[in-house]
Amino acid sequence: MIVRIMGEGQLKLADSHFIELNKLDDELLEEMESGDESGFRRTLHALLDKVRELGDPLPDDALEPSELILPAPDATLDEVRQMLSDDGLIPG
């Protein structure tokens, strides 16, 4: 799956990584629902760091459609709320 982190580039992630990413996504969703701003910030950074660690960056000149768009590291709680689906940020 091609993933874009807003304000950064695109990465290709194997489907097998989504189980691990969904754990962080579930944690992020809980923190957002409870209004835990510090937990939200910590988990958002952990989620984005994990995507960067597990993904293979695409070249800057690649023109691949992003199948998943993640917020920038400095996104606010309200901005991320607007990006959520029923599954959180990560499908599944």
C-alpha atoms as a PDB file:
ATOM      1  CA  MET A   1       0.000   0.000   0.000  1.00  0.00           C
ATOM      2  CA  ILE A   2       1.226   3.499  -0.830  1.00  0.00           C
ATOM      3  CA  VAL A   3       1.063   5.791   2.212  1.00  0.00           C
ATOM      4  CA  ARG A   4       1.589   9.544   2.306  1.00  0.00           C
ATOM      5  CA  ILE A   5       2.518  11.418   5.455  1.00  0.00           C
ATOM      6  CA  MET A   6       1.253  14.969   4.954  1.00  0.00           C
ATOM      7  CA  GLY A   7       4.125  17.392   4.545  1.00  0.00           C
ATOM      8  CA  GLU A   8       6.490  14.519   3.786  1.00  0.00           C
ATOM      9  CA  GLY A   9       6.813  11.990   0.991  1.00  0.00           C
ATOM     10  CA  GLN A  10       5.252   8.668   0.144  1.00  0.00           C
ATOM     11  CA  LEU A  11       6.238   5.240   1.394  1.00  0.00           C
ATOM     12  CA  LYS A  12       5.354   1.737   0.283  1.00  0.00           C
ATOM     13  CA  LEU A  13       4.196  -0.462   3.148  1.00  0.00           C
ATOM     14  CA  ALA A  14       3.638  -4.218   3.043  1.00  0.00           C
ATOM     15  CA  ASP A  15       0.164  -5.299   4.172  1.00  0.00           C
ATOM     16  CA  SER A  16       1.790  -7.473   6.855  1.00  0.00           C
ATOM     17  CA  HIS A  17       2.782  -4.317   8.784  1.00  0.00           C
ATOM     18  CA  PHE A  18      -0.769  -3.138   9.291  1.00  0.00           C
ATOM     19  CA  ILE A  19      -1.433  -5.392  12.293  1.00  0.00           C
ATOM     20  CA  GLU A  20       1.345  -3.600  14.201  1.00  0.00           C
ATOM     21  CA  LEU A  21       0.243  -0.183  12.971  1.00  0.00           C
ATOM     22  CA  ASN A  22      -3.378  -0.844  13.934  1.00  0.00           C
ATOM     23  CA  LYS A  23      -2.347  -1.303  17.573  1.00  0.00           C
ATOM     24  CA  LEU A  24      -0.951   2.232  17.608  1.00  0.00           C
ATOM     25  CA  ASP A  25      -3.974   3.477  15.671  1.00  0.00           C
ATOM     26  CA  ASP A  26      -6.333   1.968  18.277  1.00  0.00           C
ATOM     27  CA  GLU A  27      -4.333   3.645  21.056  1.00  0.00           C
ATOM     28  CA  LEU A  28      -4.454   6.962  19.206  1.00  0.00           C
ATOM     29  CA  LEU A  29      -8.221   6.672  18.767  1.00  0.00           C
ATOM     30  CA  GLU A  30      -8.714   6.046  22.494  1.00  0.00           C
ATOM     31  CA  GLU A  31      -6.585   9.065  23.391  1.00  0.00           C
ATOM     32  CA  MET A  32      -8.514  11.244  20.983  1.00  0.00           C
ATOM     33  CA  GLU A  33     -11.854  10.105  22.399  1.00  0.00           C
ATOM     34  CA  SER A  34     -10.707  10.818  25.945  1.00  0.00           C
ATOM     35  CA  GLY A  35      -9.136  14.184  24.989  1.00  0.00           C
ATOM     36  CA  ASP A  36      -5.691  13.055  26.156  1.00  0.00           C
ATOM     37  CA  GLU A  37      -3.642  15.656  24.246  1.00  0.00           C
ATOM     38  CA  SER A  38      -0.221  14.516  25.482  1.00  0.00           C
ATOM     39  CA  GLY A  39      -0.992  10.846  24.819  1.00  0.00           C
ATOM     40  CA  PHE A  40      -2.358  11.751  21.378  1.00  0.00           C
ATOM     41  CA  ARG A  41       0.831  13.660  20.506  1.00  0.00           C
ATOM     42  CA  ARG A  42       3.099  10.837  21.755  1.00  0.00           C
ATOM     43  CA  THR A  43       1.169   8.109  19.921  1.00  0.00           C
ATOM     44  CA  LEU A  44       0.841  10.086  16.684  1.00  0.00           C
ATOM     45  CA  HIS A  45       4.628  10.489  16.611  1.00  0.00           C
ATOM     46  CA  ALA A  46       5.101   6.782  17.430  1.00  0.00           C
ATOM     47  CA  LEU A  47       2.711   5.819  14.604  1.00  0.00           C
ATOM     48  CA  LEU A  48       4.459   8.039  12.064  1.00  0.00           C
ATOM     49  CA  ASP A  49       7.904   6.863  13.224  1.00  0.00           C
ATOM     50  CA  LYS A  50       6.778   3.236  12.773  1.00  0.00           C
ATOM     51  CA  VAL A  51       5.480   3.958   9.252  1.00  0.00           C
ATOM     52  CA  ARG A  52       8.819   5.581   8.371  1.00  0.00           C
ATOM     53  CA  GLU A  53      10.714   2.623   9.882  1.00  0.00           C
ATOM     54  CA  LEU A  54       8.696  -0.088   8.127  1.00  0.00           C
ATOM     55  CA  GLY A  55       8.047   1.674   4.816  1.00  0.00           C
ATOM     56  CA  ASP A  56      10.225   2.004   1.774  1.00  0.00           C
ATOM     57  CA  PRO A  57      10.373   5.648   0.640  1.00  0.00           C
ATOM     58  CA  LEU A  58       9.295   6.322  -2.936  1.00  0.00           C
ATOM     59  CA  PRO A  59      11.442   8.667  -5.029  1.00  0.00           C
ATOM     60  CA  ASP A  60      10.368  12.320  -4.930  1.00  0.00           C
ATOM     61  CA  ASP A  61       9.489  12.192  -8.630  1.00  0.00           C
ATOM     62  CA  ALA A  62       7.236   9.110  -8.283  1.00  0.00           C
ATOM     63  CA  LEU A  63       3.602   9.751  -9.225  1.00  0.00           C
ATOM     64  CA  GLU A  64       1.809   6.984  -7.328  1.00  0.00           C
ATOM     65  CA  PRO A  65      -1.687   7.609  -5.940  1.00  0.00           C
ATOM     66  CA  SER A  66      -1.699   7.441  -2.138  1.00  0.00           C
ATOM     67  CA  GLU A  67      -4.049   4.782  -0.782  1.00  0.00           C
ATOM     68  CA  LEU A  68      -3.696   6.096   2.757  1.00  0.00           C
ATOM     69  CA  ILE A  69      -2.930   9.636   3.928  1.00  0.00           C
ATOM     70  CA  LEU A  70      -1.646  10.211   7.450  1.00  0.00           C
ATOM     71  CA  PRO A  71      -1.507  13.562   9.245  1.00  0.00           C
ATOM     72  CA  ALA A  72       1.642  15.623   9.622  1.00  0.00           C
ATOM     73  CA  PRO A  73       3.492  15.185  12.918  1.00  0.00           C
ATOM     74  CA  ASP A  74       2.359  18.632  14.080  1.00  0.00           C
ATOM     75  CA  ALA A  75      -1.338  18.068  13.249  1.00  0.00           C
ATOM     76  CA  THR A  76      -3.796  19.088  15.934  1.00  0.00           C
ATOM     77  CA  LEU A  77      -6.284  16.799  17.579  1.00  0.00           C
ATOM     78  CA  ASP A  78      -9.112  18.494  15.652  1.00  0.00           C
ATOM     79  CA  GLU A  79      -7.307  18.137  12.315  1.00  0.00           C
ATOM     80  CA  VAL A  80      -6.793  14.424  12.920  1.00  0.00           C
ATOM     81  CA  ARG A  81     -10.435  13.993  13.992  1.00  0.00           C
ATOM     82  CA  GLN A  82     -11.484  15.258  10.562  1.00  0.00           C
ATOM     83  CA  MET A  83      -9.326  12.589   8.888  1.00  0.00           C
ATOM     84  CA  LEU A  84     -10.734   9.660  10.870  1.00  0.00           C
ATOM     85  CA  SER A  85     -12.899   6.915   9.489  1.00  0.00           C
ATOM     86  CA  ASP A  86     -14.760   4.366  11.603  1.00  0.00           C
ATOM     87  CA  ASP A  87     -11.524   2.319  11.660  1.00  0.00           C
ATOM     88  CA  GLY A  88      -9.316   5.199  12.806  1.00  0.00           C
ATOM     89  CA  LEU A  89      -6.506   6.405  10.551  1.00  0.00           C
ATOM     90  CA  ILE A  90      -5.383   2.934   9.475  1.00  0.00           C
ATOM     91  CA  PRO A  91      -7.953   0.676   7.769  1.00  0.00           C
ATOM     92  CA  GLY A  92      -8.605  -2.696   9.312  1.00  0.00           C
END
